[in-house]
Amino acid sequence: MKNSTGSVTRRQMLGGALGAAAALGASASQAASPRKGGLKGKRVLVGIGEFSEGLETYYMVYRLKEEGIEPVVAAATVKAVKTVVHDFEPQYSNYTEKPGYFIQADIAYKDVVPLDYAAMLIPGGRGPEEMRQIGDVLKIVRHFLEKELPLGVMCHGPQVLWAAGSVAGRTMTCYEAIRPDLELAGAKFVDQAVVVDRALVSSRGWPDLPEFMPAFLDVLAKRG
């Protein structure tokens, strides 16, 4: 999905996402109806930082609500957190960043009790850069990794994982720009919309959301 200059265009990214959604007919239908495992009433922690990607964050939160799941947004402090819009424009070789919506954090990381949650989601953007520097975040993420509980990471989200614990030997995907970091951490990179490795679900970025969330919800229904 690159143009003659090697950069990814917004049209190509969106086209790829729409094509994937069409090919996913069965998964999309499944996402719209309750799963056999039962999700209603479960609580899922959505971990963000300053300038997390807005589309990824809100899409995750709303899909959880549609399934009857309670999303709990966690941040460094309880406040309205600014998100950003990461997009692709043909004149630039890297993604652009624009101000996005605010989202209200429900709980501070220092007050999170991991046992209260069935799963955790980490959207991308620049939020993970901040999150991986917070000791409480690393403790929380380590809990989900070590207990083999559903953990979904998108785009730059995996940055938090290798700061919290080992991903050596895991099969994952991520935004292409941090692929070298993922591989240096010992994980196997796969260039596809969503990768499920036991309870760990990873994805490349917001164009893959229609595939990522059904896969995550399926894992949650079976393991959460």
C-alpha atoms as a PDB file:
ATOM      1  CA  MET A   1       0.000   0.000   0.000  1.00  0.00           C
ATOM      2  CA  LYS A   2       2.671   2.499  -1.045  1.00  0.00           C
ATOM      3  CA  ASN A   3       2.856   5.102  -3.776  1.00  0.00           C
ATOM      4  CA  SER A   4       5.774   5.729  -6.120  1.00  0.00           C
ATOM      5  CA  THR A   5       7.683   7.566  -3.391  1.00  0.00           C
ATOM      6  CA  GLY A   6       7.283   4.641  -1.011  1.00  0.00           C
ATOM      7  CA  SER A   7       4.922   6.531   1.331  1.00  0.00           C
ATOM      8  CA  VAL A   8       1.512   5.272   2.387  1.00  0.00           C
ATOM      9  CA  THR A   9      -1.406   7.446   1.344  1.00  0.00           C
ATOM     10  CA  ARG A  10      -4.572   7.996   3.332  1.00  0.00           C
ATOM     11  CA  ARG A  11      -6.635   6.730   0.397  1.00  0.00           C
ATOM     12  CA  GLN A  12      -4.610   3.520   0.259  1.00  0.00           C
ATOM     13  CA  MET A  13      -4.871   2.977   4.015  1.00  0.00           C
ATOM     14  CA  LEU A  14      -8.629   3.517   3.998  1.00  0.00           C
ATOM     15  CA  GLY A  15      -9.040   1.374   0.887  1.00  0.00           C
ATOM     16  CA  GLY A  16      -7.165  -1.446   2.545  1.00  0.00           C
ATOM     17  CA  ALA A  17      -9.277  -1.145   5.657  1.00  0.00           C
ATOM     18  CA  LEU A  18     -12.545  -1.172   3.724  1.00  0.00           C
ATOM     19  CA  GLY A  19     -11.422  -4.121   1.657  1.00  0.00           C
ATOM     20  CA  ALA A  20     -10.500  -6.028   4.774  1.00  0.00           C
ATOM     21  CA  ALA A  21     -13.873  -5.240   6.314  1.00  0.00           C
ATOM     22  CA  ALA A  22     -15.688  -6.542   3.245  1.00  0.00           C
ATOM     23  CA  ALA A  23     -13.648  -9.739   3.265  1.00  0.00           C
ATOM     24  CA  LEU A  24     -14.464 -10.157   6.917  1.00  0.00           C
ATOM     25  CA  GLY A  25     -18.223 -10.463   6.457  1.00  0.00           C
ATOM     26  CA  ALA A  26     -18.666 -13.265   8.964  1.00  0.00           C
ATOM     27  CA  SER A  27     -16.466 -11.656  11.590  1.00  0.00           C
ATOM     28  CA  ALA A  28     -18.236  -8.316  11.210  1.00  0.00           C
ATOM     29  CA  SER A  29     -21.610  -9.976  11.726  1.00  0.00           C
ATOM     30  CA  GLN A  30     -20.263 -11.805  14.721  1.00  0.00           C
ATOM     31  CA  ALA A  31     -18.997  -8.542  16.191  1.00  0.00           C
ATOM     32  CA  ALA A  32     -22.478  -7.048  16.010  1.00  0.00           C
ATOM     33  CA  SER A  33     -24.148  -9.836  17.994  1.00  0.00           C
ATOM     34  CA  PRO A  34     -23.510 -11.203  21.490  1.00  0.00           C
ATOM     35  CA  ARG A  35     -20.875 -13.926  21.680  1.00  0.00           C
ATOM     36  CA  LYS A  36     -21.623 -17.361  23.042  1.00  0.00           C
ATOM     37  CA  GLY A  37     -19.114 -16.934  25.846  1.00  0.00           C
ATOM     38  CA  GLY A  38     -21.046 -13.963  27.198  1.00  0.00           C
ATOM     39  CA  LEU A  39     -19.413 -10.572  27.600  1.00  0.00           C
ATOM     40  CA  LYS A  40     -22.061  -8.500  29.293  1.00  0.00           C
ATOM     41  CA  GLY A  41     -20.956  -7.126  32.631  1.00  0.00           C
ATOM     42  CA  LYS A  42     -17.247  -7.707  32.128  1.00  0.00           C
ATOM     43  CA  ARG A  43     -14.873  -4.820  32.814  1.00  0.00           C
ATOM     44  CA  VAL A  44     -12.023  -3.978  30.452  1.00  0.00           C
ATOM     45  CA  LEU A  45      -9.268  -1.498  31.199  1.00  0.00           C
ATOM     46  CA  VAL A  46      -8.419   0.863  28.326  1.00  0.00           C
ATOM     47  CA  GLY A  47      -4.952   2.263  29.008  1.00  0.00           C
ATOM     48  CA  ILE A  48      -4.075   5.598  27.442  1.00  0.00           C
ATOM     49  CA  GLY A  49      -1.571   8.433  27.777  1.00  0.00           C
ATOM     50  CA  GLU A  50      -1.275  11.983  26.550  1.00  0.00           C
ATOM     51  CA  PHE A  51      -1.862  12.007  22.778  1.00  0.00           C
ATOM     52  CA  SER A  52      -3.087   8.462  22.321  1.00  0.00           C
ATOM     53  CA  GLU A  53      -4.657   7.935  18.897  1.00  0.00           C
ATOM     54  CA  GLY A  54      -8.235   9.170  19.098  1.00  0.00           C
ATOM     55  CA  LEU A  55      -9.922   6.912  16.547  1.00  0.00           C
ATOM     56  CA  GLU A  56      -8.366   3.808  18.046  1.00  0.00           C
ATOM     57  CA  THR A  57      -9.293   4.858  21.586  1.00  0.00           C
ATOM     58  CA  TYR A  58     -12.914   5.760  20.915  1.00  0.00           C
ATOM     59  CA  TYR A  59     -13.533   2.804  18.606  1.00  0.00           C
ATOM     60  CA  MET A  60     -12.332   0.430  21.327  1.00  0.00           C
ATOM     61  CA  VAL A  61     -14.446   2.109  24.005  1.00  0.00           C
ATOM     62  CA  TYR A  62     -17.614   2.144  21.902  1.00  0.00           C
ATOM     63  CA  ARG A  63     -17.277  -1.451  20.687  1.00  0.00           C
ATOM     64  CA  LEU A  64     -16.899  -2.594  24.280  1.00  0.00           C
ATOM     65  CA  LYS A  65     -20.064  -0.711  25.222  1.00  0.00           C
ATOM     66  CA  GLU A  66     -21.953  -2.246  22.311  1.00  0.00           C
ATOM     67  CA  GLU A  67     -21.178  -5.692  23.724  1.00  0.00           C
ATOM     68  CA  GLY A  68     -22.416  -4.741  27.194  1.00  0.00           C
ATOM     69  CA  ILE A  69     -18.856  -4.527  28.521  1.00  0.00           C
ATOM     70  CA  GLU A  70     -17.855  -1.747  30.899  1.00  0.00           C
ATOM     71  CA  PRO A  71     -14.800   0.104  29.523  1.00  0.00           C
ATOM     72  CA  VAL A  72     -12.721   1.826  32.189  1.00  0.00           C
ATOM     73  CA  VAL A  73     -10.345   4.426  30.771  1.00  0.00           C
ATOM     74  CA  ALA A  74      -7.116   4.713  32.757  1.00  0.00           C
ATOM     75  CA  ALA A  75      -4.491   7.455  32.534  1.00  0.00           C
ATOM     76  CA  ALA A  76      -1.748   8.969  34.667  1.00  0.00           C
ATOM     77  CA  THR A  77      -4.322  11.220  36.340  1.00  0.00           C
ATOM     78  CA  VAL A  78      -8.106  11.471  36.292  1.00  0.00           C
ATOM     79  CA  LYS A  79      -8.794  14.253  33.805  1.00  0.00           C
ATOM     80  CA  ALA A  80      -9.877  14.924  30.228  1.00  0.00           C
ATOM     81  CA  VAL A  81      -7.014  13.506  28.151  1.00  0.00           C
ATOM     82  CA  LYS A  82      -6.237  14.955  24.734  1.00  0.00           C
ATOM     83  CA  THR A  83      -6.097  12.445  21.888  1.00  0.00           C
ATOM     84  CA  VAL A  84      -4.596  12.951  18.424  1.00  0.00           C
ATOM     85  CA  VAL A  85      -5.421  12.050  14.837  1.00  0.00           C
ATOM     86  CA  HIS A  86      -2.666  10.228  12.978  1.00  0.00           C
ATOM     87  CA  ASP A  87      -3.219  10.360   9.231  1.00  0.00           C
ATOM     88  CA  PHE A  88      -1.313   9.858   5.991  1.00  0.00           C
ATOM     89  CA  GLU A  89      -0.819  12.500   3.323  1.00  0.00           C
ATOM     90  CA  PRO A  90       1.010  11.836   0.042  1.00  0.00           C
ATOM     91  CA  GLN A  91       3.462  14.739   0.362  1.00  0.00           C
ATOM     92  CA  TYR A  92       4.951  13.371   3.589  1.00  0.00           C
ATOM     93  CA  SER A  93       7.007  10.242   4.163  1.00  0.00           C
ATOM     94  CA  ASN A  94       5.671   9.826   7.722  1.00  0.00           C
ATOM     95  CA  TYR A  95       2.244  10.108   9.306  1.00  0.00           C
ATOM     96  CA  THR A  96       0.888  13.504  10.311  1.00  0.00           C
ATOM     97  CA  GLU A  97      -0.522  14.406  13.716  1.00  0.00           C
ATOM     98  CA  LYS A  98      -3.465  16.696  14.414  1.00  0.00           C
ATOM     99  CA  PRO A  99      -5.424  17.465  17.611  1.00  0.00           C
ATOM    100  CA  GLY A 100      -8.239  15.027  18.305  1.00  0.00           C
ATOM    101  CA  TYR A 101     -11.083  14.734  20.790  1.00  0.00           C
ATOM    102  CA  PHE A 102     -10.678  14.759  24.537  1.00  0.00           C
ATOM    103  CA  ILE A 103     -11.649  11.622  26.431  1.00  0.00           C
ATOM    104  CA  GLN A 104     -12.332  11.508  30.146  1.00  0.00           C
ATOM    105  CA  ALA A 105     -10.127   9.197  32.191  1.00  0.00           C
ATOM    106  CA  ASP A 106     -12.096   7.230  34.774  1.00  0.00           C
ATOM    107  CA  ILE A 107      -9.209   6.124  36.982  1.00  0.00           C
ATOM    108  CA  ALA A 108      -5.539   6.884  37.620  1.00  0.00           C
ATOM    109  CA  TYR A 109      -3.035   4.094  37.077  1.00  0.00           C
ATOM    110  CA  LYS A 110      -1.964   4.239  40.726  1.00  0.00           C
ATOM    111  CA  ASP A 111      -5.491   3.267  41.758  1.00  0.00           C
ATOM    112  CA  VAL A 112      -5.993   0.396  39.318  1.00  0.00           C
ATOM    113  CA  VAL A 113      -6.417  -3.067  40.839  1.00  0.00           C
ATOM    114  CA  PRO A 114      -5.680  -5.423  37.914  1.00  0.00           C
ATOM    115  CA  LEU A 115      -7.780  -8.233  39.418  1.00  0.00           C
ATOM    116  CA  ASP A 116     -10.866  -6.055  38.891  1.00  0.00           C
ATOM    117  CA  TYR A 117     -10.579  -6.375  35.106  1.00  0.00           C
ATOM    118  CA  ALA A 118     -11.060  -9.228  32.674  1.00  0.00           C
ATOM    119  CA  ALA A 119      -8.814  -7.728  30.010  1.00  0.00           C
ATOM    120  CA  MET A 120      -6.840  -4.687  28.908  1.00  0.00           C
ATOM    121  CA  LEU A 121      -6.622  -2.685  25.685  1.00  0.00           C
ATOM    122  CA  ILE A 122      -3.836  -0.280  24.691  1.00  0.00           C
ATOM    123  CA  PRO A 123      -4.421   1.949  21.652  1.00  0.00           C
ATOM    124  CA  GLY A 124      -1.531   3.500  19.749  1.00  0.00           C
ATOM    125  CA  GLY A 125      -0.493   7.065  19.091  1.00  0.00           C
ATOM    126  CA  ARG A 126       2.107   8.690  21.318  1.00  0.00           C
ATOM    127  CA  GLY A 127       0.382   7.605  24.516  1.00  0.00           C
ATOM    128  CA  PRO A 128       2.421   4.387  24.817  1.00  0.00           C
ATOM    129  CA  GLU A 129       5.651   6.433  24.915  1.00  0.00           C
ATOM    130  CA  GLU A 130       4.408   8.038  28.113  1.00  0.00           C
ATOM    131  CA  MET A 131       2.799   4.914  29.540  1.00  0.00           C
ATOM    132  CA  ARG A 132       5.980   2.834  29.418  1.00  0.00           C
ATOM    133  CA  GLN A 133       7.649   5.337  31.746  1.00  0.00           C
ATOM    134  CA  ILE A 134       5.029   4.876  34.481  1.00  0.00           C
ATOM    135  CA  GLY A 135       5.832   2.146  36.986  1.00  0.00           C
ATOM    136  CA  ASP A 136       2.178   1.487  37.823  1.00  0.00           C
ATOM    137  CA  VAL A 137       1.404   0.902  34.148  1.00  0.00           C
ATOM    138  CA  LEU A 138       4.177  -1.677  33.869  1.00  0.00           C
ATOM    139  CA  LYS A 139       2.860  -3.540  36.920  1.00  0.00           C
ATOM    140  CA  ILE A 140      -0.637  -3.625  35.442  1.00  0.00           C
ATOM    141  CA  VAL A 141       0.495  -4.815  32.008  1.00  0.00           C
ATOM    142  CA  ARG A 142       2.793  -7.406  33.593  1.00  0.00           C
ATOM    143  CA  HIS A 143      -0.231  -8.828  35.410  1.00  0.00           C
ATOM    144  CA  PHE A 144      -2.085  -9.466  32.144  1.00  0.00           C
ATOM    145  CA  LEU A 145       1.005 -10.875  30.454  1.00  0.00           C
ATOM    146  CA  GLU A 146       1.923 -13.253  33.270  1.00  0.00           C
ATOM    147  CA  LYS A 147      -1.639 -14.405  33.945  1.00  0.00           C
ATOM    148  CA  GLU A 148      -2.287 -14.988  30.214  1.00  0.00           C
ATOM    149  CA  LEU A 149      -5.331 -12.724  30.334  1.00  0.00           C
ATOM    150  CA  PRO A 150      -6.716 -11.018  27.208  1.00  0.00           C
ATOM    151  CA  LEU A 151      -4.454  -8.118  26.253  1.00  0.00           C
ATOM    152  CA  GLY A 152      -5.006  -6.136  23.059  1.00  0.00           C
ATOM    153  CA  VAL A 153      -2.412  -3.738  21.655  1.00  0.00           C
ATOM    154  CA  MET A 154      -2.579  -1.652  18.515  1.00  0.00           C
ATOM    155  CA  CYS A 155      -0.094   0.393  16.488  1.00  0.00           C
ATOM    156  CA  HIS A 156       2.521   1.741  18.973  1.00  0.00           C
ATOM    157  CA  GLY A 157       0.858  -0.083  21.885  1.00  0.00           C
ATOM    158  CA  PRO A 158       3.434  -2.907  21.934  1.00  0.00           C
ATOM    159  CA  GLN A 159       6.004  -0.375  23.185  1.00  0.00           C
ATOM    160  CA  VAL A 160       4.443  -0.814  26.615  1.00  0.00           C
ATOM    161  CA  LEU A 161       4.670  -4.605  26.475  1.00  0.00           C
ATOM    162  CA  TRP A 162       8.406  -4.994  26.106  1.00  0.00           C
ATOM    163  CA  ALA A 163       8.926  -2.333  28.759  1.00  0.00           C
ATOM    164  CA  ALA A 164       6.737  -4.342  31.137  1.00  0.00           C
ATOM    165  CA  GLY A 165       7.995  -7.845  30.429  1.00  0.00           C
ATOM    166  CA  SER A 166       9.284 -10.267  27.857  1.00  0.00           C
ATOM    167  CA  VAL A 167       7.695 -10.690  24.435  1.00  0.00           C
ATOM    168  CA  ALA A 168      10.473 -13.010  23.292  1.00  0.00           C
ATOM    169  CA  GLY A 169       9.079 -15.832  21.197  1.00  0.00           C
ATOM    170  CA  ARG A 170       5.655 -14.211  20.804  1.00  0.00           C
ATOM    171  CA  THR A 171       4.124 -13.724  17.357  1.00  0.00           C
ATOM    172  CA  MET A 172       2.844 -10.169  16.965  1.00  0.00           C
ATOM    173  CA  THR A 173       2.260  -7.252  14.650  1.00  0.00           C
ATOM    174  CA  CYS A 174       2.564  -3.494  15.140  1.00  0.00           C
ATOM    175  CA  TYR A 175       2.950  -0.243  13.235  1.00  0.00           C
ATOM    176  CA  GLU A 176       5.737  -0.732  10.699  1.00  0.00           C
ATOM    177  CA  ALA A 177       7.910   2.044  12.193  1.00  0.00           C
ATOM    178  CA  ILE A 178       8.410   0.120  15.438  1.00  0.00           C
ATOM    179  CA  ARG A 179       8.900  -3.262  13.808  1.00  0.00           C
ATOM    180  CA  PRO A 180      12.681  -3.132  14.487  1.00  0.00           C
ATOM    181  CA  ASP A 181      12.000  -2.585  18.194  1.00  0.00           C
ATOM    182  CA  LEU A 182       9.542  -5.469  18.283  1.00  0.00           C
ATOM    183  CA  GLU A 183      12.031  -7.806  16.646  1.00  0.00           C
ATOM    184  CA  LEU A 184      14.889  -6.624  18.876  1.00  0.00           C
ATOM    185  CA  ALA A 185      12.652  -7.507  21.829  1.00  0.00           C
ATOM    186  CA  GLY A 186      12.578 -11.075  20.528  1.00  0.00           C
ATOM    187  CA  ALA A 187       9.099 -11.242  19.008  1.00  0.00           C
ATOM    188  CA  LYS A 188       8.260 -12.528  15.543  1.00  0.00           C
ATOM    189  CA  PHE A 189       6.695  -9.796  13.382  1.00  0.00           C
ATOM    190  CA  VAL A 190       3.848 -10.683  11.011  1.00  0.00           C
ATOM    191  CA  ASP A 191       2.541  -8.072   8.585  1.00  0.00           C
ATOM    192  CA  GLN A 192      -1.201  -8.626   8.812  1.00  0.00           C
ATOM    193  CA  ALA A 193      -4.230  -6.836  10.211  1.00  0.00           C
ATOM    194  CA  VAL A 194      -4.495  -8.831  13.416  1.00  0.00           C
ATOM    195  CA  VAL A 195      -2.369 -11.492  15.101  1.00  0.00           C
ATOM    196  CA  VAL A 196      -3.633 -13.661  17.949  1.00  0.00           C
ATOM    197  CA  ASP A 197      -0.980 -15.364  20.070  1.00  0.00           C
ATOM    198  CA  ARG A 198      -2.797 -17.115  22.899  1.00  0.00           C
ATOM    199  CA  ALA A 199      -4.407 -14.260  24.892  1.00  0.00           C
ATOM    200  CA  LEU A 200      -2.307 -11.552  23.216  1.00  0.00           C
ATOM    201  CA  VAL A 201      -3.989  -9.738  20.313  1.00  0.00           C
ATOM    202  CA  SER A 202      -2.012  -7.212  18.264  1.00  0.00           C
ATOM    203  CA  SER A 203      -2.745  -5.026  15.260  1.00  0.00           C
ATOM    204  CA  ARG A 204      -0.965  -2.532  12.969  1.00  0.00           C
ATOM    205  CA  GLY A 205      -3.165   0.551  13.341  1.00  0.00           C
ATOM    206  CA  TRP A 206      -6.600   2.125  12.987  1.00  0.00           C
ATOM    207  CA  PRO A 207      -7.362   0.867   9.443  1.00  0.00           C
ATOM    208  CA  ASP A 208      -7.338  -2.628  10.967  1.00  0.00           C
ATOM    209  CA  LEU A 209      -9.892  -1.907  13.697  1.00  0.00           C
ATOM    210  CA  PRO A 210     -12.732  -3.867  11.977  1.00  0.00           C
ATOM    211  CA  GLU A 211     -10.572  -6.986  12.224  1.00  0.00           C
ATOM    212  CA  PHE A 212      -8.851  -6.269  15.513  1.00  0.00           C
ATOM    213  CA  MET A 213     -11.880  -5.776  17.731  1.00  0.00           C
ATOM    214  CA  PRO A 214     -13.778  -8.944  16.670  1.00  0.00           C
ATOM    215  CA  ALA A 215     -10.611 -10.961  17.286  1.00  0.00           C
ATOM    216  CA  PHE A 216     -10.074  -9.357  20.693  1.00  0.00           C
ATOM    217  CA  LEU A 217     -13.711  -9.880  21.696  1.00  0.00           C
ATOM    218  CA  ASP A 218     -13.513 -13.529  20.675  1.00  0.00           C
ATOM    219  CA  VAL A 219     -10.457 -14.020  22.872  1.00  0.00           C
ATOM    220  CA  LEU A 220     -12.196 -12.219  25.728  1.00  0.00           C
ATOM    221  CA  ALA A 221     -15.286 -14.432  25.371  1.00  0.00           C
ATOM    222  CA  LYS A 222     -13.128 -17.562  25.622  1.00  0.00           C
ATOM    223  CA  ARG A 223     -10.568 -16.479  28.228  1.00  0.00           C
ATOM    224  CA  GLY A 224     -11.874 -13.447  30.098  1.00  0.00           C
END
